[in-house]
Structures are given as structure tokens and as C-alpha cells.
């Protein structure tokens, strides 16, 4: 029965277990879960009556930053009073984080009923976990009557299950070497896959104008008749003050760091910042304080510039959306403060480009720093480890997923770069050891894998 709410013998936890056990899941089994075509996505879309055609969409791809940009865009739209959906992956704690409307997760009952009511197509078509999740999201968004949905791609873009939509705007944050066994082993090959989300006559924002990838994006835009804008050629975001922001305790005892930002037209000099704000387009505060967010803020400004007239957005919506993104959308694991003493920060960056700014920023605190690290086995860890300082204190561990790199193997590789520490077979054990060893004025960082971070948050 097509999309019919039905009675299930399974509760929510049993339903999620069924999806994990019955369908190929990328974060558990890796490449075996990747479908290099859109056949199942198209079949599911037809089965559910093309739900994505019932609302507008914005499509976001890229190597790093696409999650933060997606959340901030959704927050801005919510501040404008637009009924906004958000689809992202992977989740941190609860599967339902992937599917949200105005910041509210899909209900447990809806997940159970979707699976129970569509068991025939699930068992017949045998889609991947991601393919079915996308179908569930689009169906839920249509049922909720959303006006616009911000859709983050999973892997790549061209063959990603989300790529059946025709959006109002396509966004490609940046290109780095990632998932090379699936997307290609050069920046150009990966850019080709990401460029697959550029649709006929749909404008596209590219975050970074890299000499290796810009020609490919320009060529694709010419072919599709799409207006193309490189964010870094139009906007630049800056921290106007020195340091890493101010630590604050908000309502309900939540600790965060708040940081002031300024977004200016690209090419305007930052030298005059302390004298005046000439050239400033936006200024405000954010709790997303990682230095890498500056690039995301410039992408956000460029995207806002494209969308604001047709969607009736105001500058206040932008400033309030950035300031309230965690409250509005529930974003986690981006330079997130877990405790103040010792200062404990986690971040979901998991590749070279996602970690280079983070590690440099951690060093700028000037504190004794402990690193609780674990990586997925398919990451190019040997390119990442040289980023870490040899005077750090290391706690090597692994998340509880099949793809996780063995912490003993990680420790052996790290020692080759002068990084020494102990091995722990669980994230909680490693984290507790780091906390026991740290003084109140020290710094602890948890990262390397979003799945490591998920076990601590």
C-alpha cells in the first residue's frame, strides 16, 4: 500500500534496527552500500507520487561545510516565517535528526508507520538505507506541507539519491579529496560528481574558486544555462576581534563560545575594521566558532543574495538565522563545547580539509591539549596525522561501527609522525582517561570521526 499509515508489530527501536539490519548502510559497511545509479531513487519517487514536486528545494553538496551551510540556511528561512524542511546525514544520536520540519524531528510514529505501510516495496526493491531515508524524508515533507526544503547530499552529487530534485538554487561548498574509491582520485573527478547537482537554468553558488575545479564548474554551468557565482569572489567573512570568542553559559546550563563575525564584499580591506565598518554587508554573533566557518559564512552570504528577493528574506533574517542556528535546527558537533573546565570541544571534521583549520585553531588557545581521536578505516589518515602537534597528548580509540580504524593500527601510524599516546577500545574509556589526566585549565579535543563525537555528545 502506497504511503499508507498502518499498524506495525515493531516499535520505533525495532524499526530502526530492521532498517540497519536489512538495508545496506554506508557508515557500517562502506562501498557495498553505495549505489552508482539513481534507479532505486527514481522508482521510490514514482511509487510515492513524486512528493518532492510539492515543495521548493535548495540542494547543497560539497566536501566540507555542506552540513553547516544547510543548517544555517534552514535557520534563516525559519526566521523569515517560512515552513522549512531540512534533510541531512549522517545523524549524531537519533536517526530522526536527518528529517526535520521547522527544527522538529520526524515523529517516531511516522517512521514506524512509513516502514510498516511500505514493507512490500522495501522488500521487493531492496533499496539502500540512504535511498529509503531520502524517500521517507520527501514523503514526510510533502505530508507536512512544507514550503521549502534544504536538502544536503550524501556522497558526491550526480548519483546521489537526493539528485532527483529541481531546486531553486544549487550550492557546492568546496572540493577536496574524499571517498576516492567511489568518487575518483583527483579533484577534477570529484568536482565532476559534485557538479552533477547543477540543473538546467538553476543558479549555482560555488564556495571556492580553485584553479583545478573552476573550469569544470564553469563548463557545466554553460551547458545547463545556469548563472554561476563563486562566493569567494564576492564575499569574505572575518573575525573582527582577536582570540577564539567568549565562553558563556546560556539557559539550562548549556556552555558555548560566542564569536563576532563580519561579512564584507570581497576585495574590501580588513585593515579599517577597528576604525569603521565601511564595506560591511553583515555583522553579528555566532556559536559556530570554528575558523572554517568563515568560508561557510561567505557561501551563506552569496546564497542569501540569490534567494532573498524571490523568498522575501531580510538582512535581519540572515543575522538572526546565523545567531540562532543551534536553537532553530538542532545542529551539533561543530566546534561544540562539552564542558568549560577543562575546556572540552568536539568537532565532526574528519578529513584533511575539515581538520586543518581546526587543529591550527586549537593550537592558538595556548593550552596543554589532549586529543581523543578515532577515524574511519577508509580515510587517508596518513595525510591527516601530520597536522597534529607532536607535543599533544593522545588517546587513540574507535567508534562502535564496522568501518572504524583499529586504534592500535592508528597508534602505530601516529607514532611514525611523532605522535604518542595510549590505545583505548571504546570512546568513553578514552574520553574518561583524558578527563582524568587533564587539569581545569587544559583543553580536550574529541574528533577524527563524526561517529566518535556521537558517542560523547
Protein backbone atom coordinates (compact mmCIF):
# COMPACT_ATOMS: atom_id res chain seq x y z
CA UNK A 1 0.00 0.00 0.00
CA UNK A 2 1.48 3.33 -1.11
CA UNK A 3 2.47 5.51 1.83
CA UNK A 4 -0.45 4.30 3.95
CA UNK A 5 -0.22 4.59 7.71
CA UNK A 6 -0.52 1.12 9.10
CA UNK A 7 -0.29 -0.84 12.29
CA UNK A 8 3.14 -2.31 12.88
CA UNK A 9 4.24 -5.08 15.16
CA UNK A 10 7.54 -3.24 15.56
CA UNK A 11 8.14 -0.29 17.85
CA UNK A 12 10.47 2.57 16.92
CA UNK A 13 13.70 0.96 18.12
CA UNK A 14 12.81 -2.30 16.41
CA UNK A 15 12.01 -0.43 13.20
CA UNK A 16 15.38 1.33 13.19
CA UNK A 17 17.10 -1.99 13.91
CA UNK A 18 15.23 -3.51 10.97
CA UNK A 19 16.45 -0.74 8.64
CA UNK A 20 20.04 -1.15 9.79
CA UNK A 21 19.98 -4.93 9.63
CA UNK A 22 18.04 -5.29 6.38
CA UNK A 23 19.41 -2.49 4.19
CA UNK A 24 23.00 -1.68 3.17
CA UNK A 25 24.22 1.20 5.38
CA UNK A 26 27.28 3.13 4.19
CA UNK A 27 28.66 4.14 7.57
CA UNK A 28 28.69 0.48 8.61
CA UNK A 29 29.78 -1.41 5.50
CA UNK A 30 31.24 1.31 3.26
CA UNK A 31 31.35 0.90 -0.52
CA UNK A 32 28.96 -2.08 -0.57
CA UNK A 33 26.10 0.27 0.39
CA UNK A 34 26.80 2.76 -2.42
CA UNK A 35 24.51 2.54 -5.45
CA UNK A 36 26.14 4.06 -8.54
CA UNK A 37 22.83 4.94 -10.19
CA UNK A 38 19.51 6.63 -9.46
CA UNK A 39 17.27 3.71 -10.43
CA UNK A 40 16.01 2.99 -6.93
CA UNK A 41 15.63 6.68 -6.10
CA UNK A 42 13.52 7.20 -9.22
CA UNK A 43 11.46 4.06 -8.55
CA UNK A 44 10.75 5.14 -4.97
CA UNK A 45 9.89 8.65 -6.12
CA UNK A 46 7.36 7.29 -8.61
CA UNK A 47 5.93 4.89 -6.01
CA UNK A 48 5.25 7.72 -3.56
CA UNK A 49 3.78 10.04 -6.18
CA UNK A 50 6.74 12.42 -6.66
CA UNK A 51 6.45 14.12 -3.25
CA UNK A 52 9.43 16.43 -3.84
CA UNK A 53 7.42 18.26 -6.51
CA UNK A 54 5.09 19.57 -3.80
CA UNK A 55 7.64 21.95 -2.25
CA UNK A 56 10.59 24.09 -3.29
CA UNK A 57 14.11 22.89 -2.59
CA UNK A 58 17.69 24.09 -2.16
CA UNK A 59 20.38 21.50 -2.91
CA UNK A 60 23.72 21.54 -1.05
CA UNK A 61 26.78 19.44 -1.93
CA UNK A 62 30.50 19.69 -1.19
CA UNK A 63 33.39 18.01 0.58
CA UNK A 64 33.19 20.06 3.78
CA UNK A 65 30.78 22.64 5.16
CA UNK A 66 27.62 21.39 3.49
CA UNK A 67 26.05 20.42 6.82
CA UNK A 68 26.75 23.78 8.47
CA UNK A 69 25.58 25.71 5.39
CA UNK A 70 22.41 23.60 5.18
CA UNK A 71 21.57 24.19 8.84
CA UNK A 72 22.24 27.93 8.67
CA UNK A 73 20.16 28.30 5.51
CA UNK A 74 17.28 26.43 7.12
CA UNK A 75 17.59 28.63 10.21
CA UNK A 76 17.45 31.80 8.09
CA UNK A 77 14.33 30.56 6.29
CA UNK A 78 12.70 29.69 9.61
CA UNK A 79 13.46 33.19 10.92
CA UNK A 80 11.59 34.52 7.87
CA UNK A 81 8.49 32.57 8.92
CA UNK A 82 8.77 30.06 6.07
CA UNK A 83 7.77 26.48 6.86
CA UNK A 84 11.15 24.87 6.26
CA UNK A 85 12.30 21.28 6.00
CA UNK A 86 15.86 20.08 6.43
CA UNK A 87 17.37 16.80 5.26
CA UNK A 88 20.92 15.99 6.38
CA UNK A 89 23.13 12.98 7.06
CA UNK A 90 24.52 11.22 8.94
CA UNK A 91 22.77 11.67 12.27
CA UNK A 92 24.58 12.12 15.58
CA UNK A 93 22.34 10.48 18.17
CA UNK A 94 18.92 9.73 16.69
CA UNK A 95 18.03 8.63 13.15
CA UNK A 96 15.23 11.23 13.14
CA UNK A 97 17.77 14.09 13.12
CA UNK A 98 18.03 13.52 9.37
CA UNK A 99 14.44 14.59 8.73
CA UNK A 100 13.23 17.85 10.29
CA UNK A 101 10.47 20.39 9.73
CA UNK A 102 10.99 23.79 11.39
CA UNK A 103 13.63 22.15 13.55
CA UNK A 104 11.35 19.36 14.78
CA UNK A 105 12.39 15.80 14.03
CA UNK A 106 10.03 13.43 12.26
CA UNK A 107 8.00 11.58 14.88
CA UNK A 108 8.82 8.05 15.94
CA UNK A 109 5.29 7.04 14.98
CA UNK A 110 5.77 8.39 11.45
CA UNK A 111 8.99 6.40 10.99
CA UNK A 112 7.31 3.21 12.20
CA UNK A 113 4.24 3.73 10.04
CA UNK A 114 6.29 4.56 6.95
CA UNK A 115 8.22 1.30 7.19
CA UNK A 116 5.20 -0.82 8.15
CA UNK A 117 2.96 0.69 5.48
CA UNK A 118 5.52 0.26 2.70
CA UNK A 119 7.10 -3.06 3.58
CA UNK A 120 6.22 -4.56 0.21
CA UNK A 121 8.22 -2.04 -1.83
CA UNK A 122 11.07 -2.18 0.70
CA UNK A 123 11.43 -5.95 0.49
CA UNK A 124 10.87 -6.04 -3.27
CA UNK A 125 13.09 -3.13 -4.37
CA UNK A 126 15.71 -3.64 -1.62
CA UNK A 127 16.90 -0.01 -1.62
CA UNK A 128 19.91 1.10 0.37
CA UNK A 129 19.43 2.66 3.79
CA UNK A 130 20.14 6.10 2.32
CA UNK A 131 17.78 5.65 -0.64
CA UNK A 132 14.91 4.72 1.64
CA UNK A 133 15.70 7.54 4.07
CA UNK A 134 15.54 10.11 1.26
CA UNK A 135 12.17 8.72 0.16
CA UNK A 136 10.93 8.86 3.76
CA UNK A 137 12.08 12.47 4.07
CA UNK A 138 10.45 13.68 0.86
CA UNK A 139 7.22 11.88 1.73
CA UNK A 140 7.18 13.41 5.23
CA UNK A 141 7.93 16.90 3.94
CA UNK A 142 5.05 16.68 1.49
CA UNK A 143 2.68 15.41 4.19
CA UNK A 144 3.70 18.28 6.46
CA UNK A 145 3.03 20.87 3.77
CA UNK A 146 6.46 22.47 3.89
CA UNK A 147 7.14 25.45 1.66
CA UNK A 148 10.82 24.81 1.04
CA UNK A 149 13.33 22.08 1.95
CA UNK A 150 17.09 22.39 2.29
CA UNK A 151 18.50 19.10 1.02
CA UNK A 152 22.07 18.02 1.77
CA UNK A 153 23.60 15.39 -0.49
CA UNK A 154 25.12 12.24 0.95
CA UNK A 155 28.04 11.14 -1.26
CA UNK A 156 29.01 13.08 -4.36
CA UNK A 157 26.03 14.60 -6.14
CA UNK A 158 25.48 13.29 -9.66
CA UNK A 159 24.40 9.82 -8.49
CA UNK A 160 23.24 10.81 -5.02
CA UNK A 161 19.71 9.73 -4.15
CA UNK A 162 18.73 13.34 -3.46
CA UNK A 163 19.55 14.33 -7.05
CA UNK A 164 16.04 13.82 -8.37
CA UNK A 165 15.05 17.33 -7.28
CA UNK A 166 14.99 20.51 -9.37
CA UNK A 167 15.99 23.12 -6.80
CA UNK A 168 15.70 26.90 -6.60
CA UNK A 169 19.44 27.01 -6.00
CA UNK A 170 22.34 24.56 -6.10
CA UNK A 171 25.28 25.07 -3.73
CA UNK A 172 28.67 23.34 -3.88
CA UNK A 173 30.70 24.39 -0.86
CA UNK A 174 34.16 23.14 -1.84
CA UNK A 175 36.06 20.23 -3.33
CA UNK A 176 38.61 18.06 -1.54
CA UNK A 177 39.85 14.51 -1.85
CA UNK A 178 37.23 12.33 -0.17
CA UNK A 179 35.71 8.90 -0.82
CA UNK A 180 38.21 8.50 -3.64
CA UNK A 181 37.27 4.83 -4.04
CA UNK A 182 33.79 5.97 -5.08
CA UNK A 183 34.09 9.50 -6.47
CA UNK A 184 37.51 9.47 -8.15
CA UNK A 185 41.09 10.09 -7.14
CA UNK A 186 41.54 13.67 -8.39
CA UNK A 187 39.90 16.99 -7.58
CA UNK A 188 38.63 17.19 -11.15
CA UNK A 189 36.90 13.79 -10.94
CA UNK A 190 35.29 14.63 -7.60
CA UNK A 191 34.21 18.05 -8.91
CA UNK A 192 32.55 16.30 -11.86
CA UNK A 193 30.45 14.25 -9.43
CA UNK A 194 29.51 17.28 -7.33
CA UNK A 195 28.69 19.31 -10.45
CA UNK A 196 26.00 16.76 -11.22
CA UNK A 197 23.60 18.69 -8.98
CA UNK A 198 23.73 21.71 -11.33
CA UNK A 199 20.42 21.68 -13.20
CA UNK A 200 19.15 23.44 -16.33
CA UNK A 201 18.60 27.16 -15.73
CA UNK A 202 19.03 26.80 -11.95
CA UNK A 203 21.58 29.21 -10.41
CA UNK A 204 24.57 27.68 -8.64
CA UNK A 205 26.84 29.02 -5.90
CA UNK A 206 30.36 27.57 -5.71
CA UNK A 207 32.17 28.20 -2.43
CA UNK A 208 35.78 28.25 -3.59
CA UNK A 209 37.26 29.19 -6.97
CA UNK A 210 40.01 26.59 -7.20
CA UNK A 211 42.07 26.57 -10.40
CA UNK A 212 41.69 22.79 -10.77
CA UNK A 213 37.90 22.75 -10.47
CA UNK A 214 36.58 26.18 -11.52
CA UNK A 215 36.83 25.43 -15.28
CA UNK A 216 34.74 22.29 -14.85
CA UNK A 217 32.03 24.16 -12.93
CA UNK A 218 32.02 26.97 -15.49
CA UNK A 219 31.70 24.46 -18.33
CA UNK A 220 28.82 22.66 -16.62
CA UNK A 221 27.05 25.96 -15.96
CA UNK A 222 27.37 26.96 -19.61
CA UNK A 223 25.94 23.61 -20.70
CA UNK A 224 22.94 23.93 -18.36
CA UNK A 225 22.40 27.67 -18.89
CA UNK A 226 22.87 28.27 -15.16
CA UNK A 227 24.01 31.51 -13.58
CA UNK A 228 27.15 30.68 -11.59
CA UNK A 229 28.67 32.63 -8.71
CA UNK A 230 31.88 31.90 -6.81
CA UNK A 231 31.30 33.00 -3.23
CA UNK A 232 34.94 33.81 -2.51
CA UNK A 233 34.95 36.29 -5.41
CA UNK A 234 32.03 38.23 -3.90
CA UNK A 235 32.20 37.93 -0.11
CA UNK A 236 34.77 37.48 2.64
CA UNK A 237 33.98 36.71 6.28
CA UNK A 238 36.21 37.81 9.14
CA UNK A 239 36.50 37.63 12.92
CA UNK A 240 36.87 41.32 13.88
CA UNK A 241 38.33 40.53 17.32
CA UNK A 242 41.39 38.57 18.36
CA UNK A 243 41.10 35.25 20.17
CA UNK A 244 38.61 32.43 19.86
CA UNK A 245 35.46 34.09 21.20
CA UNK A 246 33.93 34.36 24.65
CA UNK A 247 32.82 31.39 26.71
CA UNK A 248 29.28 31.79 28.01
CA UNK A 249 26.75 29.74 29.90
CA UNK A 250 23.32 30.04 28.38
CA UNK A 251 19.92 28.95 29.64
CA UNK A 252 19.63 25.43 31.05
CA UNK A 253 23.36 25.43 31.80
CA UNK A 254 24.46 24.96 28.19
CA UNK A 255 28.03 26.17 27.68
CA UNK A 256 29.04 27.65 24.35
CA UNK A 257 31.51 30.03 22.78
CA UNK A 258 30.08 33.07 21.06
CA UNK A 259 32.10 34.91 18.45
CA UNK A 260 31.52 38.09 16.47
CA UNK A 261 31.75 37.95 12.68
CA UNK A 262 31.73 40.45 9.84
CA UNK A 263 30.95 39.66 6.21
CA UNK A 264 32.23 42.14 3.65
CA UNK A 265 32.30 42.49 -0.09
CA UNK A 266 35.35 40.62 -1.36
CA UNK A 267 38.26 42.97 -2.00
CA UNK A 268 37.45 45.42 0.79
CA UNK A 269 40.37 45.80 3.16
CA UNK A 270 40.06 44.39 6.68
CA UNK A 271 42.66 46.92 7.90
CA UNK A 272 40.00 49.54 8.67
CA UNK A 273 37.84 47.23 10.78
CA UNK A 274 38.67 48.93 14.06
CA UNK A 275 38.01 52.39 12.56
CA UNK A 276 34.74 51.86 10.78
CA UNK A 277 32.55 49.25 9.14
CA UNK A 278 32.82 50.54 5.59
CA UNK A 279 32.07 47.70 3.22
CA UNK A 280 30.36 45.52 5.84
CA UNK A 281 27.38 43.59 4.50
CA UNK A 282 26.50 41.62 7.64
CA UNK A 283 27.71 41.64 11.23
CA UNK A 284 26.51 39.53 14.11
CA UNK A 285 27.37 36.74 16.52
CA UNK A 286 27.61 33.00 16.05
CA UNK A 287 28.10 29.98 18.25
CA UNK A 288 29.69 28.15 15.29
CA UNK A 289 33.15 29.40 16.18
CA UNK A 290 35.47 27.16 14.19
CA UNK A 291 37.71 29.17 11.87
CA UNK A 292 36.48 27.04 8.97
CA UNK A 293 33.03 28.62 9.42
CA UNK A 294 34.33 31.83 7.84
CA UNK A 295 34.27 30.15 4.44
CA UNK A 296 30.78 28.82 5.16
CA UNK A 297 29.57 32.30 6.10
CA UNK A 298 30.76 33.72 2.77
CA UNK A 299 28.93 30.89 0.97
CA UNK A 300 25.86 31.64 3.03
CA UNK A 301 26.00 35.34 2.13
CA UNK A 302 26.26 34.56 -1.58
CA UNK A 303 23.38 32.09 -1.38
CA UNK A 304 21.28 34.58 0.57
CA UNK A 305 21.96 37.17 -2.12
CA UNK A 306 20.50 34.81 -4.74
CA UNK A 307 17.46 33.77 -2.69
CA UNK A 308 16.41 36.89 -0.82
CA UNK A 309 14.20 38.58 -3.42
CA UNK A 310 12.19 35.54 -4.51
CA UNK A 311 11.75 34.29 -0.94
CA UNK A 312 11.19 37.69 0.67
CA UNK A 313 14.16 37.43 3.04
CA UNK A 314 15.55 40.36 5.06
CA UNK A 315 19.01 41.10 6.41
CA UNK A 316 17.63 40.59 9.93
CA UNK A 317 16.61 37.06 8.92
CA UNK A 318 20.24 36.39 7.97
CA UNK A 319 21.72 37.73 11.23
CA UNK A 320 19.10 36.04 13.42
CA UNK A 321 19.34 32.79 11.47
CA UNK A 322 23.10 32.57 12.00
CA UNK A 323 22.82 33.50 15.67
CA UNK A 324 20.03 31.02 16.41
CA UNK A 325 21.01 28.07 14.22
CA UNK A 326 21.54 25.63 17.09
CA UNK A 327 18.22 26.56 18.68
CA UNK A 328 16.35 26.56 15.35
CA UNK A 329 17.73 23.40 13.76
CA UNK A 330 19.48 21.41 16.49
CA UNK A 331 22.90 21.50 14.81
CA UNK A 332 25.51 19.57 16.78
CA UNK A 333 29.20 18.64 16.64
CA UNK A 334 30.52 21.82 15.03
CA UNK A 335 33.10 23.26 17.43
CA UNK A 336 30.68 22.22 20.17
CA UNK A 337 31.65 22.93 23.77
CA UNK A 338 31.07 19.93 26.03
CA UNK A 339 32.41 21.48 29.23
CA UNK A 340 34.19 24.61 30.41
CA UNK A 341 36.71 23.18 32.90
CA UNK A 342 38.63 21.66 31.35
CA UNK A 343 37.53 23.33 28.14
CA UNK A 344 36.32 20.40 26.03
CA UNK A 345 35.49 20.86 22.36
CA UNK A 346 34.30 18.33 19.80
CA UNK A 347 34.05 18.72 16.05
CA UNK A 348 32.83 16.49 13.24
CA UNK A 349 35.62 17.34 10.77
CA UNK A 350 37.02 14.05 9.52
CA UNK A 351 39.32 14.70 6.56
CA UNK A 352 42.36 16.87 5.82
CA UNK A 353 40.38 19.90 4.67
CA UNK A 354 37.95 19.57 7.56
CA UNK A 355 40.70 19.39 10.20
CA UNK A 356 43.49 21.69 9.07
CA UNK A 357 41.87 24.91 10.36
CA UNK A 358 40.57 23.18 13.48
CA UNK A 359 43.96 21.93 14.62
CA UNK A 360 45.59 25.30 13.96
CA UNK A 361 42.84 26.99 15.97
CA UNK A 362 43.22 24.56 18.87
CA UNK A 363 46.92 25.39 18.98
CA UNK A 364 46.10 29.11 19.22
CA UNK A 365 44.49 28.60 22.65
CA UNK A 366 47.98 28.08 24.06
CA UNK A 367 46.79 25.36 26.43
CA UNK A 368 48.03 21.88 27.20
CA UNK A 369 45.87 19.89 24.78
CA UNK A 370 44.67 16.30 24.82
CA UNK A 371 43.30 14.73 21.64
CA UNK A 372 40.73 11.90 21.77
CA UNK A 373 40.96 10.59 18.22
CA UNK A 374 39.39 7.86 16.12
CA UNK A 375 38.95 7.57 12.36
CA UNK A 376 37.01 5.53 9.87
CA UNK A 377 39.09 2.92 8.11
CA UNK A 378 38.57 4.38 4.64
CA UNK A 379 40.07 7.79 5.50
CA UNK A 380 43.52 8.82 4.29
CA UNK A 381 44.76 9.04 7.87
CA UNK A 382 48.42 9.33 6.85
CA UNK A 383 47.67 12.69 5.22
CA UNK A 384 45.83 13.90 8.33
CA UNK A 385 48.20 12.89 11.14
CA UNK A 386 50.98 15.36 10.19
CA UNK A 387 48.56 18.17 11.04
CA UNK A 388 48.66 17.29 14.74
CA UNK A 389 51.35 18.68 17.07
CA UNK A 390 53.98 16.33 18.47
CA UNK A 391 53.59 17.90 21.94
CA UNK A 392 49.92 16.90 22.17
CA UNK A 393 48.61 14.18 24.48
CA UNK A 394 46.88 11.44 22.50
CA UNK A 395 44.13 8.98 23.33
CA UNK A 396 43.58 6.70 20.33
CA UNK A 397 40.22 4.97 20.10
CA UNK A 398 37.49 3.78 17.75
CA UNK A 399 33.75 4.26 17.34
CA UNK A 400 31.48 1.24 17.53
CA UNK A 401 30.98 0.83 13.78
CA UNK A 402 32.36 -1.78 11.38
CA UNK A 403 34.26 0.80 9.31
CA UNK A 404 36.22 2.14 12.29
CA UNK A 405 40.01 2.02 12.10
CA UNK A 406 41.58 -0.20 14.74
CA UNK A 407 43.06 2.13 17.41
CA UNK A 408 46.22 0.03 17.69
CA UNK A 409 46.82 0.49 13.98
CA UNK A 410 46.06 4.20 14.36
CA UNK A 411 48.59 4.49 17.20
CA UNK A 412 51.26 2.75 15.09
CA UNK A 413 50.69 5.15 12.19
CA UNK A 414 50.67 8.14 14.55
CA UNK A 415 53.98 7.13 16.09
CA UNK A 416 55.52 7.40 12.64
CA UNK A 417 54.72 11.12 12.80
CA UNK A 418 55.98 11.58 16.34
CA UNK A 419 52.53 11.40 17.96
CA UNK A 420 52.45 9.16 21.00
CA UNK A 421 49.63 8.09 23.25
CA UNK A 422 47.64 5.21 24.66
CA UNK A 423 45.13 2.92 22.98
CA UNK A 424 41.54 2.52 24.17
CA UNK A 425 38.98 0.14 22.70
CA UNK A 426 36.00 2.41 23.41
CA UNK A 427 35.44 6.14 23.02
CA UNK A 428 34.06 6.51 26.53
CA UNK A 429 37.16 4.86 28.03
CA UNK A 430 39.47 7.17 26.06
CA UNK A 431 37.44 10.26 26.93
CA UNK A 432 37.31 9.43 30.65
CA UNK A 433 41.07 8.87 30.68
CA UNK A 434 41.66 12.24 29.02
CA UNK A 435 39.43 13.98 31.56
CA UNK A 436 41.21 12.31 34.46
CA UNK A 437 44.60 13.41 33.15
CA UNK A 438 43.61 17.00 32.31
CA UNK A 439 43.75 19.98 34.63
CA UNK A 440 40.94 22.53 34.87
CA UNK A 441 42.82 24.99 32.65
CA UNK A 442 43.70 22.45 29.96
CA UNK A 443 41.97 21.73 26.65
CA UNK A 444 40.49 18.46 25.40
CA UNK A 445 39.51 17.90 21.78
CA UNK A 446 37.35 14.99 20.61
CA UNK A 447 37.24 14.27 16.88
CA UNK A 448 38.53 12.48 13.80
CA UNK A 449 35.16 10.90 13.07
CA UNK A 450 31.59 12.05 13.46
CA UNK A 451 30.87 8.64 14.99
CA UNK A 452 33.49 9.18 17.69
CA UNK A 453 31.91 12.55 18.50
CA UNK A 454 28.44 10.98 18.55
CA UNK A 455 29.41 8.63 21.36
CA UNK A 456 30.43 11.55 23.58
CA UNK A 457 27.71 14.15 22.94
